[in-house]
């Protein structure tokens, strides 16, 4: 169950990178809607008769990459053990830190221009996906049972024959 939750959350994290993350507005009038892809690659914003090129934050490409890694860890995690679940949790915490720093950076830059920024489904979905990866990893750590061994599997059968 935990592996399924982590897998679904990792897929959601990859998808949300391409959905709208924020809308920038001035006096309630939307100026730009920006996805994670736009923030990572850079973009030109045209508003009120002027345009400005914004440099990309290439570090944000780590968000979908983390989704790919989390998906891989979820798919092989049940066969290997708790170590990969712990790796998923660490990865999700690092992505959440990156998302927090990105939001904080956006807020400080936007305030310089007296603009407002509001979160959209892509950013909120990314946060939800990170929480899902953590929850799935924790569940899969508690779900894992030790591998079954065949040593002594027939001892009970042999002792029951001896009772006859």
C-alpha atoms as a PDB file:
ATOM      1  CA  UNK A   1       0.000   0.000   0.000  1.00  0.00           C
ATOM      2  CA  UNK A   2       2.788   2.429   0.900  1.00  0.00           C
ATOM      3  CA  UNK A   3       4.611   1.771  -2.363  1.00  0.00           C
ATOM      4  CA  UNK A   4       1.439   2.561  -4.337  1.00  0.00           C
ATOM      5  CA  UNK A   5       0.990   5.856  -2.482  1.00  0.00           C
ATOM      6  CA  UNK A   6       4.630   6.813  -3.054  1.00  0.00           C
ATOM      7  CA  UNK A   7       4.412   5.880  -6.726  1.00  0.00           C
ATOM      8  CA  UNK A   8       1.249   7.910  -7.276  1.00  0.00           C
ATOM      9  CA  UNK A   9       2.712  10.870  -5.394  1.00  0.00           C
ATOM     10  CA  UNK A  10       5.926  10.719  -7.442  1.00  0.00           C
ATOM     11  CA  UNK A  11       3.901  10.773 -10.667  1.00  0.00           C
ATOM     12  CA  UNK A  12       1.904  13.716  -9.326  1.00  0.00           C
ATOM     13  CA  UNK A  13       5.129  15.562  -8.524  1.00  0.00           C
ATOM     14  CA  UNK A  14       6.357  15.114 -12.091  1.00  0.00           C
ATOM     15  CA  UNK A  15       3.009  16.245 -13.566  1.00  0.00           C
ATOM     16  CA  UNK A  16       2.626  19.290 -11.318  1.00  0.00           C
ATOM     17  CA  UNK A  17       5.936  20.708 -12.549  1.00  0.00           C
ATOM     18  CA  UNK A  18       4.257  21.506 -15.864  1.00  0.00           C
ATOM     19  CA  UNK A  19       1.006  22.888 -14.405  1.00  0.00           C
ATOM     20  CA  UNK A  20       0.581  26.559 -13.362  1.00  0.00           C
ATOM     21  CA  UNK A  21       2.448  27.259 -10.118  1.00  0.00           C
ATOM     22  CA  UNK A  22       1.689  30.928  -9.492  1.00  0.00           C
ATOM     23  CA  UNK A  23      -0.248  33.854 -10.867  1.00  0.00           C
ATOM     24  CA  UNK A  24       1.323  37.281 -10.595  1.00  0.00           C
ATOM     25  CA  UNK A  25      -1.133  40.158 -10.483  1.00  0.00           C
ATOM     26  CA  UNK A  26      -1.102  43.915 -10.140  1.00  0.00           C
ATOM     27  CA  UNK A  27      -4.061  45.581  -8.442  1.00  0.00           C
ATOM     28  CA  UNK A  28      -6.081  42.407  -8.893  1.00  0.00           C
ATOM     29  CA  UNK A  29      -5.306  42.239 -12.625  1.00  0.00           C
ATOM     30  CA  UNK A  30      -3.430  39.027 -13.619  1.00  0.00           C
ATOM     31  CA  UNK A  31      -0.103  39.794 -15.257  1.00  0.00           C
ATOM     32  CA  UNK A  32       1.365  36.305 -15.714  1.00  0.00           C
ATOM     33  CA  UNK A  33       0.655  32.696 -14.873  1.00  0.00           C
ATOM     34  CA  UNK A  34       3.849  30.731 -14.446  1.00  0.00           C
ATOM     35  CA  UNK A  35       4.541  26.985 -14.303  1.00  0.00           C
ATOM     36  CA  UNK A  36       7.500  25.254 -12.705  1.00  0.00           C
ATOM     37  CA  UNK A  37       8.871  24.691 -16.206  1.00  0.00           C
ATOM     38  CA  UNK A  38       8.671  28.457 -16.893  1.00  0.00           C
ATOM     39  CA  UNK A  39      10.451  29.254 -13.642  1.00  0.00           C
ATOM     40  CA  UNK A  40      13.185  26.738 -14.388  1.00  0.00           C
ATOM     41  CA  UNK A  41      13.827  27.715 -18.007  1.00  0.00           C
ATOM     42  CA  UNK A  42      13.230  31.460 -17.794  1.00  0.00           C
ATOM     43  CA  UNK A  43      10.608  33.515 -19.561  1.00  0.00           C
ATOM     44  CA  UNK A  44       9.654  36.925 -20.858  1.00  0.00           C
ATOM     45  CA  UNK A  45       6.812  38.700 -19.090  1.00  0.00           C
ATOM     46  CA  UNK A  46       4.911  41.333 -21.029  1.00  0.00           C
ATOM     47  CA  UNK A  47       2.640  43.593 -19.045  1.00  0.00           C
ATOM     48  CA  UNK A  48       1.395  47.158 -19.289  1.00  0.00           C
ATOM     49  CA  UNK A  49       3.336  47.912 -22.463  1.00  0.00           C
ATOM     50  CA  UNK A  50       6.727  46.691 -21.279  1.00  0.00           C
ATOM     51  CA  UNK A  51       8.467  43.357 -21.281  1.00  0.00           C
ATOM     52  CA  UNK A  52      11.063  41.917 -18.991  1.00  0.00           C
ATOM     53  CA  UNK A  53      13.057  38.725 -19.340  1.00  0.00           C
ATOM     54  CA  UNK A  54      13.291  36.651 -16.183  1.00  0.00           C
ATOM     55  CA  UNK A  55      16.243  34.331 -15.790  1.00  0.00           C
ATOM     56  CA  UNK A  56      15.470  30.698 -15.122  1.00  0.00           C
ATOM     57  CA  UNK A  57      16.220  28.883 -11.905  1.00  0.00           C
ATOM     58  CA  UNK A  58      17.655  25.668 -13.342  1.00  0.00           C
ATOM     59  CA  UNK A  59      17.806  24.129  -9.867  1.00  0.00           C
ATOM     60  CA  UNK A  60      14.022  23.701 -10.163  1.00  0.00           C
ATOM     61  CA  UNK A  61      14.596  20.905 -12.686  1.00  0.00           C
ATOM     62  CA  UNK A  62      15.438  18.863  -9.593  1.00  0.00           C
ATOM     63  CA  UNK A  63      11.706  18.749  -8.761  1.00  0.00           C
ATOM     64  CA  UNK A  64      10.635  16.444 -11.637  1.00  0.00           C
ATOM     65  CA  UNK A  65      13.947  14.586 -11.355  1.00  0.00           C
ATOM     66  CA  UNK A  66      13.138  13.920  -7.709  1.00  0.00           C
ATOM     67  CA  UNK A  67       9.766  12.582  -8.865  1.00  0.00           C
ATOM     68  CA  UNK A  68      11.508  10.137 -11.204  1.00  0.00           C
ATOM     69  CA  UNK A  69      13.897   9.034  -8.456  1.00  0.00           C
ATOM     70  CA  UNK A  70      11.076   8.682  -5.908  1.00  0.00           C
ATOM     71  CA  UNK A  71       9.115   6.575  -8.392  1.00  0.00           C
ATOM     72  CA  UNK A  72      12.113   4.301  -8.940  1.00  0.00           C
ATOM     73  CA  UNK A  73      12.694   3.971  -5.212  1.00  0.00           C
ATOM     74  CA  UNK A  74       9.022   3.155  -4.653  1.00  0.00           C
ATOM     75  CA  UNK A  75       9.045   0.469  -7.339  1.00  0.00           C
ATOM     76  CA  UNK A  76      12.119  -1.335  -6.020  1.00  0.00           C
ATOM     77  CA  UNK A  77      11.741  -0.381  -2.352  1.00  0.00           C
ATOM     78  CA  UNK A  78       9.673  -3.380  -1.305  1.00  0.00           C
ATOM     79  CA  UNK A  79      12.305  -5.806  -2.478  1.00  0.00           C
ATOM     80  CA  UNK A  80      15.244  -4.054  -0.853  1.00  0.00           C
ATOM     81  CA  UNK A  81      13.934  -2.869   2.491  1.00  0.00           C
ATOM     82  CA  UNK A  82      13.686   0.154   4.725  1.00  0.00           C
ATOM     83  CA  UNK A  83      16.805   1.897   3.446  1.00  0.00           C
ATOM     84  CA  UNK A  84      15.113   3.027   0.254  1.00  0.00           C
ATOM     85  CA  UNK A  85      12.073   4.267   2.173  1.00  0.00           C
ATOM     86  CA  UNK A  86      14.389   6.419   4.264  1.00  0.00           C
ATOM     87  CA  UNK A  87      16.008   7.670   1.041  1.00  0.00           C
ATOM     88  CA  UNK A  88      12.539   8.608  -0.252  1.00  0.00           C
ATOM     89  CA  UNK A  89      11.817  10.567   2.912  1.00  0.00           C
ATOM     90  CA  UNK A  90      15.140  12.437   2.676  1.00  0.00           C
ATOM     91  CA  UNK A  91      14.497  13.178  -1.008  1.00  0.00           C
ATOM     92  CA  UNK A  92      10.995  14.490  -0.254  1.00  0.00           C
ATOM     93  CA  UNK A  93      12.275  16.695   2.567  1.00  0.00           C
ATOM     94  CA  UNK A  94      14.918  18.166   0.232  1.00  0.00           C
ATOM     95  CA  UNK A  95      12.290  18.871  -2.444  1.00  0.00           C
ATOM     96  CA  UNK A  96      10.012  20.500   0.125  1.00  0.00           C
ATOM     97  CA  UNK A  97      12.937  22.687   1.208  1.00  0.00           C
ATOM     98  CA  UNK A  98      13.532  23.642  -2.438  1.00  0.00           C
ATOM     99  CA  UNK A  99       9.833  24.489  -2.874  1.00  0.00           C
ATOM    100  CA  UNK A 100       9.866  26.606   0.286  1.00  0.00           C
ATOM    101  CA  UNK A 101      12.979  28.506  -0.821  1.00  0.00           C
ATOM    102  CA  UNK A 102      11.470  29.043  -4.275  1.00  0.00           C
ATOM    103  CA  UNK A 103       8.267  30.431  -2.780  1.00  0.00           C
ATOM    104  CA  UNK A 104      10.219  32.665  -0.406  1.00  0.00           C
ATOM    105  CA  UNK A 105      12.406  33.941  -3.263  1.00  0.00           C
ATOM    106  CA  UNK A 106       9.354  34.650  -5.439  1.00  0.00           C
ATOM    107  CA  UNK A 107       7.661  36.550  -2.633  1.00  0.00           C
ATOM    108  CA  UNK A 108      10.673  38.790  -2.027  1.00  0.00           C
ATOM    109  CA  UNK A 109      11.167  39.527  -5.746  1.00  0.00           C
ATOM    110  CA  UNK A 110       7.493  40.214  -6.400  1.00  0.00           C
ATOM    111  CA  UNK A 111       7.192  42.597  -3.448  1.00  0.00           C
ATOM    112  CA  UNK A 112       9.908  44.801  -4.971  1.00  0.00           C
ATOM    113  CA  UNK A 113       7.559  45.609  -7.842  1.00  0.00           C
ATOM    114  CA  UNK A 114       4.467  46.028  -5.646  1.00  0.00           C
ATOM    115  CA  UNK A 115       2.804  42.983  -7.221  1.00  0.00           C
ATOM    116  CA  UNK A 116       0.828  40.134  -5.709  1.00  0.00           C
ATOM    117  CA  UNK A 117       1.466  36.442  -6.183  1.00  0.00           C
ATOM    118  CA  UNK A 118      -1.007  33.627  -5.598  1.00  0.00           C
ATOM    119  CA  UNK A 119      -0.386  29.912  -5.554  1.00  0.00           C
ATOM    120  CA  UNK A 120      -1.932  27.709  -8.236  1.00  0.00           C
ATOM    121  CA  UNK A 121      -2.639  24.007  -8.564  1.00  0.00           C
ATOM    122  CA  UNK A 122       0.839  23.033  -9.748  1.00  0.00           C
ATOM    123  CA  UNK A 123       2.640  24.373  -6.700  1.00  0.00           C
ATOM    124  CA  UNK A 124      -0.002  23.160  -4.259  1.00  0.00           C
ATOM    125  CA  UNK A 125      -0.024  19.753  -5.982  1.00  0.00           C
ATOM    126  CA  UNK A 126       3.758  19.581  -5.656  1.00  0.00           C
ATOM    127  CA  UNK A 127       3.482  20.153  -1.917  1.00  0.00           C
ATOM    128  CA  UNK A 128       0.761  17.509  -1.690  1.00  0.00           C
ATOM    129  CA  UNK A 129       2.914  15.108  -3.724  1.00  0.00           C
ATOM    130  CA  UNK A 130       5.886  15.601  -1.393  1.00  0.00           C
ATOM    131  CA  UNK A 131       3.667  14.840   1.591  1.00  0.00           C
ATOM    132  CA  UNK A 132       2.354  11.771  -0.254  1.00  0.00           C
ATOM    133  CA  UNK A 133       5.873  10.507  -0.908  1.00  0.00           C
ATOM    134  CA  UNK A 134       6.698  10.864   2.786  1.00  0.00           C
ATOM    135  CA  UNK A 135       3.461   9.170   3.868  1.00  0.00           C
ATOM    136  CA  UNK A 136       3.936   6.319   1.392  1.00  0.00           C
ATOM    137  CA  UNK A 137       7.528   5.777   2.492  1.00  0.00           C
ATOM    138  CA  UNK A 138       6.522   5.684   6.159  1.00  0.00           C
ATOM    139  CA  UNK A 139       3.732   3.216   5.368  1.00  0.00           C
ATOM    140  CA  UNK A 140       6.013   1.008   3.319  1.00  0.00           C
ATOM    141  CA  UNK A 141       8.527   0.931   6.170  1.00  0.00           C
ATOM    142  CA  UNK A 142       5.840  -0.421   8.454  1.00  0.00           C
ATOM    143  CA  UNK A 143       4.453  -2.759   5.743  1.00  0.00           C
ATOM    144  CA  UNK A 144       7.682  -4.548   4.992  1.00  0.00           C
ATOM    145  CA  UNK A 145       7.909  -7.964   6.511  1.00  0.00           C
ATOM    146  CA  UNK A 146      11.153  -9.887   6.643  1.00  0.00           C
ATOM    147  CA  UNK A 147      11.781 -12.131   3.652  1.00  0.00           C
ATOM    148  CA  UNK A 148      10.456 -15.616   4.095  1.00  0.00           C
ATOM    149  CA  UNK A 149      12.940 -18.411   4.304  1.00  0.00           C
ATOM    150  CA  UNK A 150      12.288 -22.038   3.581  1.00  0.00           C
ATOM    151  CA  UNK A 151      14.548 -23.307   6.347  1.00  0.00           C
ATOM    152  CA  UNK A 152      12.471 -25.122   8.901  1.00  0.00           C
ATOM    153  CA  UNK A 153       9.318 -24.789   6.827  1.00  0.00           C
ATOM    154  CA  UNK A 154       8.677 -28.537   6.971  1.00  0.00           C
ATOM    155  CA  UNK A 155       9.645 -29.036  10.629  1.00  0.00           C
ATOM    156  CA  UNK A 156       6.046 -28.639  11.777  1.00  0.00           C
ATOM    157  CA  UNK A 157       4.858 -31.188   9.232  1.00  0.00           C
ATOM    158  CA  UNK A 158       7.480 -33.726  10.291  1.00  0.00           C
ATOM    159  CA  UNK A 159       6.678 -33.286  13.975  1.00  0.00           C
ATOM    160  CA  UNK A 160       2.985 -33.773  13.287  1.00  0.00           C
ATOM    161  CA  UNK A 161       3.754 -37.115  11.577  1.00  0.00           C
ATOM    162  CA  UNK A 162       5.778 -38.157  14.602  1.00  0.00           C
ATOM    163  CA  UNK A 163       2.729 -37.675  16.821  1.00  0.00           C
ATOM    164  CA  UNK A 164       0.845 -40.386  14.908  1.00  0.00           C
END
